[in-house]
N, C-alpha and C. Protein backbone atom coordinates (compact mmCIF):
# COMPACT_ATOMS: atom_id res chain seq x y z
N MET A 1 -1.25 -2.09 -17.33
CA MET A 1 -0.25 -3.00 -16.79
C MET A 1 0.84 -2.14 -16.15
N TYR A 2 1.52 -2.67 -15.09
CA TYR A 2 2.49 -1.99 -14.34
C TYR A 2 3.64 -2.91 -14.04
N GLY A 3 4.88 -2.49 -14.32
CA GLY A 3 6.07 -3.26 -14.17
C GLY A 3 7.09 -2.55 -13.30
N LEU A 4 7.98 -3.38 -12.74
CA LEU A 4 9.10 -2.87 -11.92
C LEU A 4 10.31 -3.66 -12.18
N ILE A 5 11.47 -3.05 -12.22
CA ILE A 5 12.76 -3.76 -12.29
C ILE A 5 13.52 -3.19 -11.06
N VAL A 6 13.87 -4.12 -10.17
CA VAL A 6 14.50 -3.82 -8.87
C VAL A 6 15.87 -4.57 -8.81
N LYS A 7 16.80 -3.82 -8.27
CA LYS A 7 18.17 -4.38 -8.03
C LYS A 7 18.37 -4.42 -6.60
N MET A 8 18.79 -5.64 -6.16
CA MET A 8 18.99 -5.86 -4.76
C MET A 8 20.46 -6.29 -4.38
N ASN A 9 21.20 -5.54 -3.70
CA ASN A 9 22.47 -6.02 -3.22
C ASN A 9 22.29 -6.68 -1.89
N ILE A 10 22.69 -7.94 -1.98
CA ILE A 10 22.42 -8.80 -0.76
C ILE A 10 23.71 -8.88 0.07
N VAL A 11 23.48 -9.02 1.32
CA VAL A 11 24.69 -9.21 2.23
C VAL A 11 25.44 -10.48 1.82
N ALA A 12 26.74 -10.28 1.88
CA ALA A 12 27.61 -11.31 1.33
C ALA A 12 27.37 -12.70 1.98
N GLY A 13 27.24 -13.72 1.12
CA GLY A 13 26.96 -15.09 1.50
C GLY A 13 25.47 -15.37 1.86
N ARG A 14 24.61 -14.44 1.60
CA ARG A 14 23.20 -14.63 1.98
C ARG A 14 22.15 -14.66 0.84
N ARG A 15 22.78 -14.70 -0.32
CA ARG A 15 21.87 -14.59 -1.52
C ARG A 15 20.88 -15.68 -1.68
N ASP A 16 21.28 -16.98 -1.46
CA ASP A 16 20.36 -18.11 -1.57
C ASP A 16 19.21 -17.94 -0.49
N GLU A 17 19.50 -17.50 0.66
CA GLU A 17 18.52 -17.21 1.64
C GLU A 17 17.51 -16.24 1.28
N ALA A 18 18.03 -15.16 0.77
CA ALA A 18 17.18 -14.07 0.24
C ALA A 18 16.28 -14.53 -0.85
N ILE A 19 16.83 -15.35 -1.79
CA ILE A 19 16.03 -15.88 -2.93
C ILE A 19 14.89 -16.72 -2.36
N ALA A 20 15.15 -17.64 -1.44
CA ALA A 20 14.11 -18.44 -0.84
C ALA A 20 12.99 -17.60 -0.12
N LEU A 21 13.39 -16.66 0.61
CA LEU A 21 12.43 -15.81 1.30
C LEU A 21 11.54 -15.00 0.21
N LEU A 22 12.16 -14.40 -0.79
CA LEU A 22 11.48 -13.69 -1.75
C LEU A 22 10.49 -14.59 -2.63
N ALA A 23 11.02 -15.85 -2.93
CA ALA A 23 10.12 -16.75 -3.64
C ALA A 23 8.88 -17.18 -2.70
N GLU A 24 9.21 -17.36 -1.54
CA GLU A 24 8.03 -17.76 -0.61
C GLU A 24 7.02 -16.69 -0.49
N SER A 25 7.41 -15.42 -0.45
CA SER A 25 6.41 -14.39 -0.28
C SER A 25 5.74 -13.97 -1.56
N SER A 26 6.19 -14.52 -2.69
CA SER A 26 5.71 -14.02 -4.01
C SER A 26 4.63 -15.01 -4.63
N ARG A 27 4.34 -15.98 -3.85
CA ARG A 27 3.35 -16.99 -4.34
C ARG A 27 1.94 -16.39 -4.11
N ASP A 28 0.98 -16.67 -4.99
CA ASP A 28 -0.41 -16.29 -4.84
C ASP A 28 -0.64 -14.83 -4.52
N MET A 29 -0.07 -13.98 -5.37
CA MET A 29 -0.29 -12.59 -5.23
C MET A 29 -1.37 -12.09 -6.28
N PRO A 30 -2.67 -11.80 -5.85
CA PRO A 30 -3.56 -11.33 -6.88
C PRO A 30 -3.09 -10.19 -7.69
N GLY A 31 -3.31 -10.25 -9.01
CA GLY A 31 -2.96 -9.26 -9.96
C GLY A 31 -1.47 -9.39 -10.38
N CYS A 32 -0.71 -10.32 -9.87
CA CYS A 32 0.71 -10.41 -10.34
C CYS A 32 0.73 -11.46 -11.52
N PHE A 33 1.22 -11.01 -12.63
CA PHE A 33 1.33 -11.86 -13.82
C PHE A 33 2.77 -12.43 -13.84
N SER A 34 3.74 -11.84 -13.24
CA SER A 34 5.09 -12.37 -13.33
C SER A 34 5.89 -11.72 -12.30
N TYR A 35 6.75 -12.56 -11.49
CA TYR A 35 7.66 -12.09 -10.47
C TYR A 35 8.90 -13.01 -10.54
N VAL A 36 9.84 -12.41 -11.26
CA VAL A 36 10.97 -13.24 -11.62
C VAL A 36 12.16 -12.74 -10.75
N ILE A 37 12.76 -13.67 -10.06
CA ILE A 37 14.01 -13.37 -9.25
C ILE A 37 15.14 -14.02 -10.06
N ALA A 38 16.16 -13.18 -10.28
CA ALA A 38 17.30 -13.63 -11.10
C ALA A 38 18.62 -13.24 -10.42
N LYS A 39 19.59 -14.22 -10.48
CA LYS A 39 20.94 -14.00 -9.97
C LYS A 39 21.64 -13.23 -10.99
N ASP A 40 22.46 -12.28 -10.61
CA ASP A 40 23.32 -11.57 -11.52
C ASP A 40 24.42 -12.49 -12.02
N ALA A 41 24.74 -12.38 -13.25
CA ALA A 41 25.74 -13.40 -13.89
C ALA A 41 27.11 -13.13 -13.40
N VAL A 42 27.45 -11.99 -12.85
CA VAL A 42 28.75 -11.63 -12.48
C VAL A 42 28.92 -11.39 -10.90
N ASP A 43 28.05 -10.70 -10.37
CA ASP A 43 28.13 -10.34 -8.87
C ASP A 43 27.32 -11.36 -8.07
N GLU A 44 27.99 -12.09 -7.27
CA GLU A 44 27.36 -13.10 -6.47
C GLU A 44 26.41 -12.65 -5.29
N ASN A 45 26.46 -11.39 -5.10
CA ASN A 45 25.62 -10.76 -4.07
C ASN A 45 24.56 -9.88 -4.62
N LEU A 46 24.27 -9.99 -5.90
CA LEU A 46 23.26 -9.11 -6.60
C LEU A 46 22.13 -9.98 -7.13
N LEU A 47 20.94 -9.45 -6.81
CA LEU A 47 19.75 -10.06 -7.39
C LEU A 47 18.95 -8.98 -8.17
N TRP A 48 18.26 -9.47 -9.21
CA TRP A 48 17.37 -8.61 -9.98
C TRP A 48 16.02 -9.24 -9.83
N VAL A 49 15.00 -8.36 -9.58
CA VAL A 49 13.61 -8.77 -9.53
C VAL A 49 12.83 -7.99 -10.64
N THR A 50 12.14 -8.80 -11.45
CA THR A 50 11.38 -8.07 -12.57
C THR A 50 9.95 -8.51 -12.29
N GLU A 51 9.05 -7.54 -12.18
CA GLU A 51 7.65 -7.77 -11.80
C GLU A 51 6.76 -7.24 -12.90
N VAL A 52 5.64 -7.92 -13.16
CA VAL A 52 4.53 -7.48 -14.02
C VAL A 52 3.29 -7.60 -13.30
N TRP A 53 2.52 -6.57 -13.17
CA TRP A 53 1.32 -6.48 -12.44
C TRP A 53 0.15 -6.01 -13.32
N GLU A 54 -1.05 -6.37 -12.91
CA GLU A 54 -2.22 -5.90 -13.59
C GLU A 54 -2.33 -4.32 -13.48
N SER A 55 -1.92 -3.89 -12.39
CA SER A 55 -1.99 -2.40 -12.15
C SER A 55 -1.08 -2.09 -11.03
N GLN A 56 -0.80 -0.75 -10.88
CA GLN A 56 -0.07 -0.28 -9.65
C GLN A 56 -0.78 -0.55 -8.43
N ALA A 57 -2.09 -0.52 -8.48
CA ALA A 57 -2.86 -0.75 -7.28
C ALA A 57 -2.71 -2.20 -6.81
N SER A 58 -2.66 -3.12 -7.80
CA SER A 58 -2.45 -4.57 -7.45
C SER A 58 -1.11 -4.70 -6.78
N HIS A 59 -0.03 -4.05 -7.23
CA HIS A 59 1.32 -4.13 -6.64
C HIS A 59 1.23 -3.60 -5.19
N ASP A 60 0.66 -2.45 -5.12
CA ASP A 60 0.61 -1.78 -3.84
C ASP A 60 -0.14 -2.67 -2.76
N ALA A 61 -1.23 -3.22 -3.21
CA ALA A 61 -2.08 -4.15 -2.32
C ALA A 61 -1.29 -5.34 -1.96
N SER A 62 -0.36 -5.81 -2.72
CA SER A 62 0.40 -6.94 -2.49
C SER A 62 1.25 -6.78 -1.19
N LEU A 63 1.68 -5.56 -0.95
CA LEU A 63 2.58 -5.28 0.18
C LEU A 63 1.81 -5.41 1.52
N MET A 64 0.50 -5.54 1.43
CA MET A 64 -0.32 -5.78 2.64
C MET A 64 -0.61 -7.24 2.89
N LEU A 65 -0.29 -8.02 1.92
CA LEU A 65 -0.70 -9.44 2.04
C LEU A 65 0.08 -10.13 3.28
N ARG A 66 -0.64 -10.97 3.87
CA ARG A 66 -0.04 -11.69 5.07
C ARG A 66 1.35 -12.22 4.86
N ALA A 67 1.51 -13.06 3.73
CA ALA A 67 2.68 -13.72 3.38
C ALA A 67 3.80 -12.67 3.20
N VAL A 68 3.53 -11.55 2.56
CA VAL A 68 4.45 -10.59 2.26
C VAL A 68 4.91 -9.92 3.51
N GLN A 69 3.94 -9.48 4.39
CA GLN A 69 4.24 -8.89 5.61
C GLN A 69 5.03 -9.76 6.56
N ALA A 70 4.84 -11.09 6.48
CA ALA A 70 5.50 -12.09 7.39
C ALA A 70 7.06 -12.14 6.94
N VAL A 71 7.34 -11.95 5.63
CA VAL A 71 8.68 -12.14 5.09
C VAL A 71 9.43 -10.77 5.16
N ILE A 72 8.85 -9.65 5.22
CA ILE A 72 9.61 -8.38 5.14
C ILE A 72 10.67 -8.27 6.37
N PRO A 73 10.20 -8.55 7.55
CA PRO A 73 11.29 -8.40 8.64
C PRO A 73 12.34 -9.54 8.57
N ARG A 74 12.06 -10.62 7.90
CA ARG A 74 13.18 -11.63 7.69
C ARG A 74 14.05 -11.43 6.59
N VAL A 75 13.61 -10.71 5.46
CA VAL A 75 14.43 -10.54 4.37
C VAL A 75 15.28 -9.23 4.53
N LYS A 76 14.59 -8.20 5.17
CA LYS A 76 15.16 -6.84 5.22
C LYS A 76 16.60 -6.88 5.64
N PRO A 77 17.04 -7.70 6.73
CA PRO A 77 18.36 -7.73 7.14
C PRO A 77 19.42 -8.34 6.16
N LEU A 78 18.80 -9.02 5.17
CA LEU A 78 19.70 -9.66 4.14
C LEU A 78 20.01 -8.64 3.04
N ILE A 79 19.21 -7.61 2.91
CA ILE A 79 19.45 -6.63 1.81
C ILE A 79 20.30 -5.49 2.21
N ALA A 80 21.50 -5.39 1.60
CA ALA A 80 22.34 -4.32 1.91
C ALA A 80 21.96 -3.01 1.24
N ASN A 81 21.40 -3.07 0.06
CA ASN A 81 20.91 -1.99 -0.72
C ASN A 81 19.85 -2.38 -1.67
N PHE A 82 18.78 -1.53 -1.72
CA PHE A 82 17.58 -1.84 -2.62
C PHE A 82 17.49 -0.70 -3.44
N GLU A 83 17.41 -0.89 -4.85
CA GLU A 83 17.25 0.23 -5.78
C GLU A 83 16.27 -0.15 -6.88
N LYS A 84 15.21 0.79 -6.93
CA LYS A 84 14.14 0.59 -7.99
C LYS A 84 14.87 1.14 -9.28
N ILE A 85 15.21 0.30 -10.15
CA ILE A 85 15.85 0.75 -11.43
C ILE A 85 14.90 1.34 -12.37
N ALA A 86 13.65 0.74 -12.55
CA ALA A 86 12.68 1.31 -13.52
C ALA A 86 11.28 0.90 -13.18
N VAL A 87 10.43 1.80 -13.42
CA VAL A 87 8.96 1.54 -13.46
C VAL A 87 8.61 1.39 -15.01
N THR A 88 8.02 0.29 -15.38
CA THR A 88 7.72 0.12 -16.81
C THR A 88 6.20 -0.04 -17.01
N GLU A 89 5.85 0.00 -18.28
CA GLU A 89 4.43 -0.30 -18.71
C GLU A 89 4.56 -1.47 -19.65
N PRO A 90 4.43 -2.67 -19.24
CA PRO A 90 4.48 -3.93 -20.02
C PRO A 90 3.42 -3.80 -21.11
N VAL A 91 3.76 -4.12 -22.38
CA VAL A 91 2.80 -4.08 -23.48
C VAL A 91 2.69 -5.40 -24.19
N ALA A 92 3.67 -6.30 -24.02
CA ALA A 92 3.59 -7.57 -24.71
C ALA A 92 4.51 -8.66 -23.99
N SER A 93 4.18 -9.89 -24.11
CA SER A 93 5.03 -10.94 -23.54
C SER A 93 5.02 -12.12 -24.46
N ALA A 94 6.04 -12.91 -24.39
CA ALA A 94 6.07 -14.11 -25.14
C ALA A 94 6.07 -15.39 -24.22
N THR A 95 5.39 -16.37 -24.68
CA THR A 95 5.45 -17.59 -23.99
C THR A 95 6.28 -18.57 -24.82
N PRO A 96 7.26 -19.21 -24.08
CA PRO A 96 8.11 -20.15 -24.99
C PRO A 96 7.26 -21.27 -25.51
N GLY A 97 7.57 -21.63 -26.76
CA GLY A 97 6.87 -22.76 -27.45
C GLY A 97 5.61 -22.34 -28.06
N SER A 98 5.25 -21.01 -28.00
CA SER A 98 3.98 -20.68 -28.66
C SER A 98 4.14 -19.85 -29.93
């Protein structure tokens, strides 16, 4: 398994637009177990994206998907700064209610 934690500083006032675009492009990605977009609890221009993939190859292949390629030029101007915080190796997950 392959995981990423990404920090995105969004251009002021454009966070909801960025969320919508990221959500749109993250549907139906083969090999993606989880793609969570979260608002920072304090900074209104900050997003956190936590990803869990079958493999790094699955993640890398997702960047070539038509939906992802279509959104990249639309979301890029909304991102003031992009920082890969961590590459992780997911080993367990919990499902609420189980």
